[in-house]
């Protein structure tokens, strides 16, 4: 049974919630969905890619070099990047869509951030209206959803021009060689060969900037390599807590782009 349930007066009238202080909840997220409006900022901090879901492409921030691993979360739960994706900011809340397209606010009851009685922020006012904090979360999630729809449309235009190509990354490090599959990047050669009318249509839809920011962000793969080595050192020095996490200037992994 899922611990993520709709927020309702019947269930949450007397409950309170707390804002997260640790990013441990994101520790197993190798990729985090992005929306177009945040891609310029995200591209300055982390490598971006595209993933395919239900025959559609969506932009993601690449957070790790293997499944169930987010290198941007330190062993003690700190966030290690300059930018925090919108998809993580509302935790423990999320937005679900019904078949009719209705937006429903949900909360993760297993997050440890929801409790009975006082202590934290209320879900509802004594009059039964959503509290100020809950309203703030709802507005943010609805805005993000609107941007997600626009992002999907931009990705559809890029796909229509056949600009996505597989991005199989072969990562060579101290632990051997790992393969990242299921990722896509922009085909820069095809992008540069587009006729003027197609190029203009992508620019007008905001898809062109998305393409260029993805290409620019690929330079941050080396940052993931440095983070992987720092995590490895912390694990070796203190297997239980990961204490002593730090980055060294000579941390690096090699990436085989052509494999």
C-alpha atoms as a PDB file:
ATOM      1  CA  UNK A   1       0.000   0.000   0.000  1.00  0.00           C
ATOM      2  CA  UNK A   2       1.400   3.380  -1.004  1.00  0.00           C
ATOM      3  CA  UNK A   3       2.263   5.843   1.736  1.00  0.00           C
ATOM      4  CA  UNK A   4       1.541   8.747  -0.625  1.00  0.00           C
ATOM      5  CA  UNK A   5      -2.081   9.759  -0.105  1.00  0.00           C
ATOM      6  CA  UNK A   6      -4.295  12.726  -1.054  1.00  0.00           C
ATOM      7  CA  UNK A   7      -4.418  15.585   1.431  1.00  0.00           C
ATOM      8  CA  UNK A   8      -7.937  15.861   2.839  1.00  0.00           C
ATOM      9  CA  UNK A   9      -9.734  17.497   5.750  1.00  0.00           C
ATOM     10  CA  UNK A  10     -11.022  14.100   6.844  1.00  0.00           C
ATOM     11  CA  UNK A  11      -7.500  12.724   7.317  1.00  0.00           C
ATOM     12  CA  UNK A  12      -5.345  15.790   7.962  1.00  0.00           C
ATOM     13  CA  UNK A  13      -7.550  18.304   9.794  1.00  0.00           C
ATOM     14  CA  UNK A  14      -5.728  17.728  13.088  1.00  0.00           C
ATOM     15  CA  UNK A  15      -2.313  16.865  11.672  1.00  0.00           C
ATOM     16  CA  UNK A  16       0.780  19.009  11.222  1.00  0.00           C
ATOM     17  CA  UNK A  17       3.712  18.802   8.827  1.00  0.00           C
ATOM     18  CA  UNK A  18       7.325  19.932   8.979  1.00  0.00           C
ATOM     19  CA  UNK A  19       9.597  21.208   6.241  1.00  0.00           C
ATOM     20  CA  UNK A  20      12.475  18.878   5.483  1.00  0.00           C
ATOM     21  CA  UNK A  21      15.931  19.653   6.852  1.00  0.00           C
ATOM     22  CA  UNK A  22      17.766  16.724   5.261  1.00  0.00           C
ATOM     23  CA  UNK A  23      17.962  15.657   1.628  1.00  0.00           C
ATOM     24  CA  UNK A  24      18.255  11.984   2.541  1.00  0.00           C
ATOM     25  CA  UNK A  25      14.871  11.441   0.854  1.00  0.00           C
ATOM     26  CA  UNK A  26      16.554  12.111  -2.514  1.00  0.00           C
ATOM     27  CA  UNK A  27      19.531   9.827  -1.904  1.00  0.00           C
ATOM     28  CA  UNK A  28      18.331   7.112  -4.329  1.00  0.00           C
ATOM     29  CA  UNK A  29      17.359   9.443  -7.196  1.00  0.00           C
ATOM     30  CA  UNK A  30      19.871   8.999 -10.013  1.00  0.00           C
ATOM     31  CA  UNK A  31      17.868  11.383 -12.230  1.00  0.00           C
ATOM     32  CA  UNK A  32      15.433  14.131 -11.254  1.00  0.00           C
ATOM     33  CA  UNK A  33      12.821  15.569 -13.663  1.00  0.00           C
ATOM     34  CA  UNK A  34      13.253  19.190 -14.733  1.00  0.00           C
ATOM     35  CA  UNK A  35      10.996  21.752 -16.359  1.00  0.00           C
ATOM     36  CA  UNK A  36      12.073  24.210 -19.034  1.00  0.00           C
ATOM     37  CA  UNK A  37      11.988  27.285 -16.797  1.00  0.00           C
ATOM     38  CA  UNK A  38      14.712  25.912 -14.502  1.00  0.00           C
ATOM     39  CA  UNK A  39      17.000  24.424 -17.133  1.00  0.00           C
ATOM     40  CA  UNK A  40      19.222  27.553 -17.474  1.00  0.00           C
ATOM     41  CA  UNK A  41      20.001  27.510 -13.744  1.00  0.00           C
ATOM     42  CA  UNK A  42      20.273  23.727 -13.494  1.00  0.00           C
ATOM     43  CA  UNK A  43      22.713  23.602 -16.411  1.00  0.00           C
ATOM     44  CA  UNK A  44      25.275  25.612 -14.433  1.00  0.00           C
ATOM     45  CA  UNK A  45      25.469  22.991 -11.664  1.00  0.00           C
ATOM     46  CA  UNK A  46      24.848  19.499 -13.043  1.00  0.00           C
ATOM     47  CA  UNK A  47      24.746  17.505 -16.285  1.00  0.00           C
ATOM     48  CA  UNK A  48      21.355  17.448 -18.003  1.00  0.00           C
ATOM     49  CA  UNK A  49      19.966  14.713 -20.201  1.00  0.00           C
ATOM     50  CA  UNK A  50      16.664  13.467 -21.585  1.00  0.00           C
ATOM     51  CA  UNK A  51      14.843  10.268 -20.725  1.00  0.00           C
ATOM     52  CA  UNK A  52      12.056   8.499 -22.567  1.00  0.00           C
ATOM     53  CA  UNK A  53       8.772   7.808 -20.815  1.00  0.00           C
ATOM     54  CA  UNK A  54       5.625   6.523 -22.524  1.00  0.00           C
ATOM     55  CA  UNK A  55       7.079   7.349 -25.957  1.00  0.00           C
ATOM     56  CA  UNK A  56       7.776  10.923 -24.847  1.00  0.00           C
ATOM     57  CA  UNK A  57      11.008  12.629 -23.868  1.00  0.00           C
ATOM     58  CA  UNK A  58      11.505  14.640 -20.706  1.00  0.00           C
ATOM     59  CA  UNK A  59      14.470  16.652 -19.425  1.00  0.00           C
ATOM     60  CA  UNK A  60      16.235  15.401 -16.303  1.00  0.00           C
ATOM     61  CA  UNK A  61      19.143  16.380 -14.092  1.00  0.00           C
ATOM     62  CA  UNK A  62      21.668  13.558 -13.946  1.00  0.00           C
ATOM     63  CA  UNK A  63      22.527  13.070 -10.275  1.00  0.00           C
ATOM     64  CA  UNK A  64      24.507   9.831 -10.212  1.00  0.00           C
ATOM     65  CA  UNK A  65      26.593   7.323 -12.119  1.00  0.00           C
ATOM     66  CA  UNK A  66      24.572   4.247 -11.189  1.00  0.00           C
ATOM     67  CA  UNK A  67      20.991   3.355 -10.349  1.00  0.00           C
ATOM     68  CA  UNK A  68      19.659   4.377  -6.928  1.00  0.00           C
ATOM     69  CA  UNK A  69      22.542   6.764  -6.278  1.00  0.00           C
ATOM     70  CA  UNK A  70      22.385  10.554  -5.970  1.00  0.00           C
ATOM     71  CA  UNK A  71      25.905  11.920  -5.641  1.00  0.00           C
ATOM     72  CA  UNK A  72      24.621  15.393  -4.802  1.00  0.00           C
ATOM     73  CA  UNK A  73      23.411  14.176  -1.385  1.00  0.00           C
ATOM     74  CA  UNK A  74      26.212  13.950   1.180  1.00  0.00           C
ATOM     75  CA  UNK A  75      26.375  11.058   3.673  1.00  0.00           C
ATOM     76  CA  UNK A  76      24.923  13.354   6.349  1.00  0.00           C
ATOM     77  CA  UNK A  77      22.060  14.544   4.117  1.00  0.00           C
ATOM     78  CA  UNK A  78      23.415  17.878   2.871  1.00  0.00           C
ATOM     79  CA  UNK A  79      22.741  19.105  -0.677  1.00  0.00           C
ATOM     80  CA  UNK A  80      26.013  19.515  -2.575  1.00  0.00           C
ATOM     81  CA  UNK A  81      24.960  21.429  -5.701  1.00  0.00           C
ATOM     82  CA  UNK A  82      24.425  25.140  -6.226  1.00  0.00           C
ATOM     83  CA  UNK A  83      20.971  24.475  -7.663  1.00  0.00           C
ATOM     84  CA  UNK A  84      18.075  22.484  -6.210  1.00  0.00           C
ATOM     85  CA  UNK A  85      15.566  21.138  -8.784  1.00  0.00           C
ATOM     86  CA  UNK A  86      11.954  22.197  -8.336  1.00  0.00           C
ATOM     87  CA  UNK A  87      10.876  18.553  -8.170  1.00  0.00           C
ATOM     88  CA  UNK A  88      12.591  18.222  -4.785  1.00  0.00           C
ATOM     89  CA  UNK A  89      11.539  21.476  -3.150  1.00  0.00           C
ATOM     90  CA  UNK A  90       8.002  20.549  -2.158  1.00  0.00           C
ATOM     91  CA  UNK A  91       8.791  17.290  -0.337  1.00  0.00           C
ATOM     92  CA  UNK A  92       6.895  15.573   1.302  1.00  0.00           C
ATOM     93  CA  UNK A  93       4.174  16.913  -1.019  1.00  0.00           C
ATOM     94  CA  UNK A  94       3.522  16.071  -4.651  1.00  0.00           C
ATOM     95  CA  UNK A  95       0.838  16.606  -7.255  1.00  0.00           C
ATOM     96  CA  UNK A  96      -1.181  13.773  -8.779  1.00  0.00           C
ATOM     97  CA  UNK A  97      -3.404  13.982 -11.840  1.00  0.00           C
ATOM     98  CA  UNK A  98      -6.687  12.118 -12.210  1.00  0.00           C
ATOM     99  CA  UNK A  99      -7.785  10.649 -15.541  1.00  0.00           C
ATOM    100  CA  UNK A 100      -9.903  13.762 -15.953  1.00  0.00           C
ATOM    101  CA  UNK A 101      -6.860  15.992 -15.484  1.00  0.00           C
ATOM    102  CA  UNK A 102      -7.799  17.195 -12.002  1.00  0.00           C
ATOM    103  CA  UNK A 103      -4.834  18.130  -9.818  1.00  0.00           C
ATOM    104  CA  UNK A 104      -4.750  16.503  -6.376  1.00  0.00           C
ATOM    105  CA  UNK A 105      -2.290  17.462  -3.644  1.00  0.00           C
ATOM    106  CA  UNK A 106      -0.706  14.399  -2.027  1.00  0.00           C
ATOM    107  CA  UNK A 107       1.635  13.873   0.916  1.00  0.00           C
ATOM    108  CA  UNK A 108       4.091  11.103   1.788  1.00  0.00           C
ATOM    109  CA  UNK A 109       2.938   9.823   5.170  1.00  0.00           C
ATOM    110  CA  UNK A 110       6.119   7.765   5.561  1.00  0.00           C
ATOM    111  CA  UNK A 111       8.386  10.806   5.294  1.00  0.00           C
ATOM    112  CA  UNK A 112       8.612  11.316   9.041  1.00  0.00           C
ATOM    113  CA  UNK A 113       7.439  14.884   8.476  1.00  0.00           C
ATOM    114  CA  UNK A 114       3.723  14.338   9.160  1.00  0.00           C
ATOM    115  CA  UNK A 115       2.342  13.910  12.654  1.00  0.00           C
ATOM    116  CA  UNK A 116      -0.664  14.159  14.931  1.00  0.00           C
ATOM    117  CA  UNK A 117      -1.320  17.186  17.102  1.00  0.00           C
ATOM    118  CA  UNK A 118       0.897  20.245  17.465  1.00  0.00           C
ATOM    119  CA  UNK A 119       4.464  20.583  16.272  1.00  0.00           C
ATOM    120  CA  UNK A 120       5.037  21.969  12.803  1.00  0.00           C
ATOM    121  CA  UNK A 121       2.644  23.657  10.402  1.00  0.00           C
ATOM    122  CA  UNK A 122      -1.045  22.785  10.243  1.00  0.00           C
ATOM    123  CA  UNK A 123      -2.570  21.385   7.073  1.00  0.00           C
ATOM    124  CA  UNK A 124      -5.764  23.360   7.596  1.00  0.00           C
ATOM    125  CA  UNK A 125      -6.959  26.391   9.530  1.00  0.00           C
ATOM    126  CA  UNK A 126      -9.579  26.014  12.291  1.00  0.00           C
ATOM    127  CA  UNK A 127     -12.122  27.124   9.676  1.00  0.00           C
ATOM    128  CA  UNK A 128     -11.169  24.230   7.405  1.00  0.00           C
ATOM    129  CA  UNK A 129      -9.283  26.201   4.753  1.00  0.00           C
ATOM    130  CA  UNK A 130      -5.802  25.198   3.578  1.00  0.00           C
ATOM    131  CA  UNK A 131      -3.172  26.784   5.811  1.00  0.00           C
ATOM    132  CA  UNK A 132      -0.805  29.448   4.523  1.00  0.00           C
ATOM    133  CA  UNK A 133       2.071  26.983   4.290  1.00  0.00           C
ATOM    134  CA  UNK A 134      -0.023  24.396   2.461  1.00  0.00           C
ATOM    135  CA  UNK A 135      -1.308  27.029   0.042  1.00  0.00           C
ATOM    136  CA  UNK A 136       2.286  28.046  -0.696  1.00  0.00           C
ATOM    137  CA  UNK A 137       3.161  24.443  -1.543  1.00  0.00           C
ATOM    138  CA  UNK A 138       0.074  24.035  -3.736  1.00  0.00           C
ATOM    139  CA  UNK A 139       0.875  27.181  -5.725  1.00  0.00           C
ATOM    140  CA  UNK A 140       4.469  26.061  -6.308  1.00  0.00           C
ATOM    141  CA  UNK A 141       3.424  22.577  -7.448  1.00  0.00           C
ATOM    142  CA  UNK A 142       0.749  23.925  -9.793  1.00  0.00           C
ATOM    143  CA  UNK A 143       3.196  26.363 -11.353  1.00  0.00           C
ATOM    144  CA  UNK A 144       5.714  23.561 -11.802  1.00  0.00           C
ATOM    145  CA  UNK A 145       3.056  21.394 -13.452  1.00  0.00           C
ATOM    146  CA  UNK A 146       2.237  24.195 -15.899  1.00  0.00           C
ATOM    147  CA  UNK A 147       5.927  24.445 -16.778  1.00  0.00           C
ATOM    148  CA  UNK A 148       6.064  20.654 -17.144  1.00  0.00           C
ATOM    149  CA  UNK A 149       3.347  20.765 -19.797  1.00  0.00           C
ATOM    150  CA  UNK A 150       5.279  23.462 -21.678  1.00  0.00           C
ATOM    151  CA  UNK A 151       8.463  21.401 -21.366  1.00  0.00           C
ATOM    152  CA  UNK A 152       6.742  18.348 -22.833  1.00  0.00           C
ATOM    153  CA  UNK A 153       5.610  20.414 -25.810  1.00  0.00           C
ATOM    154  CA  UNK A 154       9.159  21.689 -26.372  1.00  0.00           C
ATOM    155  CA  UNK A 155      10.551  18.146 -26.186  1.00  0.00           C
ATOM    156  CA  UNK A 156       7.947  17.002 -28.707  1.00  0.00           C
ATOM    157  CA  UNK A 157       9.221  19.630 -31.148  1.00  0.00           C
ATOM    158  CA  UNK A 158      12.806  18.485 -30.642  1.00  0.00           C
ATOM    159  CA  UNK A 159      11.736  14.881 -31.197  1.00  0.00           C
ATOM    160  CA  UNK A 160       9.849  15.931 -34.317  1.00  0.00           C
ATOM    161  CA  UNK A 161      13.156  17.125 -35.769  1.00  0.00           C
ATOM    162  CA  UNK A 162      14.876  13.850 -34.720  1.00  0.00           C
ATOM    163  CA  UNK A 163      17.284  15.770 -32.493  1.00  0.00           C
ATOM    164  CA  UNK A 164      17.523  13.194 -29.699  1.00  0.00           C
ATOM    165  CA  UNK A 165      20.173  10.509 -29.860  1.00  0.00           C
ATOM    166  CA  UNK A 166      21.146   7.852 -27.307  1.00  0.00           C
ATOM    167  CA  UNK A 167      23.788   8.952 -24.839  1.00  0.00           C
ATOM    168  CA  UNK A 168      25.417   5.748 -23.538  1.00  0.00           C
ATOM    169  CA  UNK A 169      28.084   6.872 -21.098  1.00  0.00           C
ATOM    170  CA  UNK A 170      30.923   4.556 -20.203  1.00  0.00           C
ATOM    171  CA  UNK A 171      32.393   5.621 -16.871  1.00  0.00           C
ATOM    172  CA  UNK A 172      35.862   4.420 -15.922  1.00  0.00           C
ATOM    173  CA  UNK A 173      36.889   4.807 -12.292  1.00  0.00           C
ATOM    174  CA  UNK A 174      38.560   3.070  -9.389  1.00  0.00           C
ATOM    175  CA  UNK A 175      35.654   0.641  -9.104  1.00  0.00           C
ATOM    176  CA  UNK A 176      35.929  -0.411 -12.731  1.00  0.00           C
ATOM    177  CA  UNK A 177      33.695   0.442 -15.660  1.00  0.00           C
ATOM    178  CA  UNK A 178      29.991   1.258 -15.449  1.00  0.00           C
ATOM    179  CA  UNK A 179      27.463   1.856 -18.196  1.00  0.00           C
ATOM    180  CA  UNK A 180      24.692   4.423 -18.017  1.00  0.00           C
ATOM    181  CA  UNK A 181      21.842   3.556 -20.366  1.00  0.00           C
ATOM    182  CA  UNK A 182      18.439   5.038 -21.127  1.00  0.00           C
ATOM    183  CA  UNK A 183      19.785   8.573 -21.471  1.00  0.00           C
ATOM    184  CA  UNK A 184      19.522  10.827 -24.512  1.00  0.00           C
ATOM    185  CA  UNK A 185      21.315  13.964 -25.588  1.00  0.00           C
ATOM    186  CA  UNK A 186      20.830  16.537 -28.317  1.00  0.00           C
ATOM    187  CA  UNK A 187      22.439  15.643 -31.637  1.00  0.00           C
ATOM    188  CA  UNK A 188      24.459  18.811 -32.173  1.00  0.00           C
ATOM    189  CA  UNK A 189      25.324  17.980 -35.776  1.00  0.00           C
ATOM    190  CA  UNK A 190      21.676  17.602 -36.772  1.00  0.00           C
ATOM    191  CA  UNK A 191      20.777  20.722 -34.804  1.00  0.00           C
ATOM    192  CA  UNK A 192      23.284  22.765 -36.787  1.00  0.00           C
ATOM    193  CA  UNK A 193      21.958  21.362 -40.065  1.00  0.00           C
ATOM    194  CA  UNK A 194      18.330  22.371 -39.472  1.00  0.00           C
ATOM    195  CA  UNK A 195      16.753  24.590 -42.123  1.00  0.00           C
ATOM    196  CA  UNK A 196      16.025  28.160 -41.072  1.00  0.00           C
ATOM    197  CA  UNK A 197      12.268  27.696 -40.686  1.00  0.00           C
ATOM    198  CA  UNK A 198      12.671  24.685 -38.374  1.00  0.00           C
ATOM    199  CA  UNK A 199      15.352  26.490 -36.380  1.00  0.00           C
ATOM    200  CA  UNK A 200      13.059  29.485 -35.942  1.00  0.00           C
ATOM    201  CA  UNK A 201      10.106  27.371 -34.823  1.00  0.00           C
ATOM    202  CA  UNK A 202      12.261  25.747 -32.133  1.00  0.00           C
ATOM    203  CA  UNK A 203      13.470  29.131 -30.939  1.00  0.00           C
ATOM    204  CA  UNK A 204       9.967  30.569 -30.759  1.00  0.00           C
ATOM    205  CA  UNK A 205       8.769  27.593 -28.693  1.00  0.00           C
ATOM    206  CA  UNK A 206      11.678  27.789 -26.237  1.00  0.00           C
ATOM    207  CA  UNK A 207      12.970  24.408 -27.385  1.00  0.00           C
ATOM    208  CA  UNK A 208      16.176  25.764 -28.898  1.00  0.00           C
ATOM    209  CA  UNK A 209      17.512  27.119 -25.613  1.00  0.00           C
ATOM    210  CA  UNK A 210      16.679  23.796 -23.942  1.00  0.00           C
ATOM    211  CA  UNK A 211      18.804  22.028 -26.542  1.00  0.00           C
ATOM    212  CA  UNK A 212      21.795  24.309 -26.135  1.00  0.00           C
ATOM    213  CA  UNK A 213      21.696  24.264 -22.333  1.00  0.00           C
ATOM    214  CA  UNK A 214      21.697  20.458 -22.391  1.00  0.00           C
ATOM    215  CA  UNK A 215      24.782  20.420 -24.574  1.00  0.00           C
ATOM    216  CA  UNK A 216      26.497  23.013 -22.394  1.00  0.00           C
ATOM    217  CA  UNK A 217      25.739  21.093 -19.202  1.00  0.00           C
ATOM    218  CA  UNK A 218      27.569  17.961 -20.359  1.00  0.00           C
ATOM    219  CA  UNK A 219      30.811  19.465 -19.062  1.00  0.00           C
ATOM    220  CA  UNK A 220      29.582  18.727 -15.514  1.00  0.00           C
ATOM    221  CA  UNK A 221      30.046  14.980 -15.944  1.00  0.00           C
ATOM    222  CA  UNK A 222      33.504  15.496 -14.450  1.00  0.00           C
ATOM    223  CA  UNK A 223      31.829  16.878 -11.319  1.00  0.00           C
ATOM    224  CA  UNK A 224      29.931  13.622 -10.908  1.00  0.00           C
ATOM    225  CA  UNK A 225      33.247  11.818 -11.141  1.00  0.00           C
ATOM    226  CA  UNK A 226      34.748  13.956  -8.386  1.00  0.00           C
ATOM    227  CA  UNK A 227      31.690  13.429  -6.204  1.00  0.00           C
ATOM    228  CA  UNK A 228      31.831   9.665  -6.760  1.00  0.00           C
ATOM    229  CA  UNK A 229      35.419   9.549  -5.552  1.00  0.00           C
ATOM    230  CA  UNK A 230      34.611  11.728  -2.534  1.00  0.00           C
ATOM    231  CA  UNK A 231      31.740   9.427  -1.582  1.00  0.00           C
ATOM    232  CA  UNK A 232      34.048   6.443  -1.974  1.00  0.00           C
ATOM    233  CA  UNK A 233      36.643   7.931   0.364  1.00  0.00           C
ATOM    234  CA  UNK A 234      34.008   8.816   2.951  1.00  0.00           C
ATOM    235  CA  UNK A 235      32.589   5.292   2.821  1.00  0.00           C
ATOM    236  CA  UNK A 236      36.041   3.754   3.217  1.00  0.00           C
ATOM    237  CA  UNK A 237      36.951   5.938   6.185  1.00  0.00           C
ATOM    238  CA  UNK A 238      33.634   5.547   7.991  1.00  0.00           C
ATOM    239  CA  UNK A 239      31.372   2.857   6.461  1.00  0.00           C
ATOM    240  CA  UNK A 240      28.464   3.515   8.829  1.00  0.00           C
ATOM    241  CA  UNK A 241      28.240   7.313   8.718  1.00  0.00           C
ATOM    242  CA  UNK A 242      30.286   8.433   5.725  1.00  0.00           C
ATOM    243  CA  UNK A 243      31.984  11.019   7.935  1.00  0.00           C
ATOM    244  CA  UNK A 244      34.900  12.893   6.439  1.00  0.00           C
ATOM    245  CA  UNK A 245      33.215  13.617   3.101  1.00  0.00           C
ATOM    246  CA  UNK A 246      35.347  16.049   1.075  1.00  0.00           C
ATOM    247  CA  UNK A 247      36.418  16.819  -2.477  1.00  0.00           C
ATOM    248  CA  UNK A 248      40.031  16.845  -3.648  1.00  0.00           C
ATOM    249  CA  UNK A 249      41.345  18.841  -6.584  1.00  0.00           C
ATOM    250  CA  UNK A 250      42.688  15.730  -8.313  1.00  0.00           C
ATOM    251  CA  UNK A 251      39.416  13.796  -8.174  1.00  0.00           C
ATOM    252  CA  UNK A 252      38.522  12.748 -11.686  1.00  0.00           C
ATOM    253  CA  UNK A 253      36.923   9.973 -13.700  1.00  0.00           C
ATOM    254  CA  UNK A 254      37.346   9.302 -17.394  1.00  0.00           C
ATOM    255  CA  UNK A 255      34.326   9.295 -19.690  1.00  0.00           C
ATOM    256  CA  UNK A 256      34.201   7.397 -22.959  1.00  0.00           C
ATOM    257  CA  UNK A 257      31.856   9.497 -25.111  1.00  0.00           C
ATOM    258  CA  UNK A 258      31.866   7.276 -28.184  1.00  0.00           C
ATOM    259  CA  UNK A 259      31.081   3.914 -26.708  1.00  0.00           C
END
